Amino acid sequence: MSSFPKRLLATCAALFILLSALALAGALEAQWSSFPTDNLVVHFSKGDVQPEWSEQIDPSSFYWMILNRRANELEDGFHGVENLLGVDYDQASQGAIHIFIYPELEQYQEDSGCLTCAAHVGGFLPALYDELIDRIKTGEVNQIAVYLTEDGTQSSVLHEFTHVLDFALIRNAPPTFLLEGLATYVGYRLDEAPDQWQLGLAEQFVKLYLEDYGIDLFEDYFLQGGYWKFTYNVGTSFLRFLAARGGWGKFLEFYAGLRRPADHEEVDRLFVKHYGAGLGELEAEWIRSLAAIRTTKNARAGYEFKLDQIPQRYIFLRPLLRDPKGAKRLFDEARTLQEGQFNEQGGAALRQYLDDPENLLPTRGAATRALEYSQYLLGYVRDYHRDERKLVGEFINAYTNQLPQLYREGKYEDFAQLYWELVHTYVTWR
């Protein structure tokens, strides 16, 4: 267990809360309709695909065929990841992989308490429904499940499948940026739909990020042991460089040998063995290769959107927004690609909407929900600003004293204003 990345350990706590709540509400069958395939058991939330799920689905029904086809499509994607990684998953020895598909992002986030989770995550299953606990202990069920939303992209599904196969079969201890880099790389490589990596946008984001922040891969990404700024982008970009430099097979051999990533000498020896150069030399080559990339105005707009964490601002402000449906529409538009480009217009509209405090609803009910959200906002601030103790201390003072005081006094307009200011000040990497 100790070799698993800290991200999944953090996700585990949120999933424990979610699954415990569902277990209290009823058995697995009462909450989900399940479709087994060769390696997977795919669960669809009842009441969200067909209006009435009071009775078990008739296997001859149209809805049953749609869900069964979706489950088999997921199985096909799983086999694609197996082939690319050069591994062969055996359900008999590794256990069936359970996938839970939520109808919408907001439901997963609020049920789990993991507000910044994108609902396409892999997580531990320390506690489940009674009928699965013993099967997990015997190995009949894999202890890692995948959580998706109905509107999740194919690349995100393949990303999580990569993690499951990585933990089950490769069993090494890579640094987080390579762990996430591999999963992201596999996701976009196998997904035929154009995404930011296939269109060259994400590579430009990395170049712009390196121009703004001087980094050292060992210091900032190997030794932190968890998330760091632009972890996915940096990891995927560096992995693409390694794959292009020595081929995909060589990278897989190198990756499988990552047993002790915090040991500089051992990791350097592994790089030299496979690539003829240590990490420092390879990092310098990688940075030089990025320097040759031309950055566009559109990519810079997307980079600024990501750097300011606008989607996270929307998530944390969600309980206070006057027009939640309108805000969600802007949020969804901002995350789409239009004609192969970052949706600059959608991103600007969402930013403008969130920047105006007049769009907040200063009522007791809204403040109550925002106070609950502030617990998760605290965790976010501690994580993403952990190298700035003074900044974190300032937030904790407002979180501990000012927000609760305004709430108790019924000053909901002042509460909304302060909460809005906290989100705009701290939900950013700048």
Foldseek 3Di string as FASTA:
>chain_A
DVLDFVVQVVLQQLVVQLQVVVQVVHFPVVAWQWADDQAAIETEGPCQPDPDCPDPDDCVDPVVVVVNVVVVVLVVLLVLLCVLLVHDDDCVQQAHAYEYEAADQVVSCVSSVPLPDRQFAKHFPPDHHPVCNVCCVVNNHHRIYTGYYPPDAQLSSQLRSNLSCCVRPLVARDWQLQNLLVSNLRSCVPHPDDDCVNLVLLLLLVLVVCVVDPDDCLVQTQPVRHDAPCSNSVNNLLLVLVCVQQHSVLVSVLVSPHHDSNDQVVNQVSCCVRPVGGPVVSVVVSSVVSVPDDDDPQSVLVSVLVQQLLLVLCSLQQLFFPDNVVLVVLSVQQPDADPSTRSSVSSVVNVVCLVDLVRTHQALRSLVVSLSSVVVVLVVLCVHVVVPVVVSVVLVCCNVPVLVVCSVVSVSSVNSVVSSVSSSVRSGND
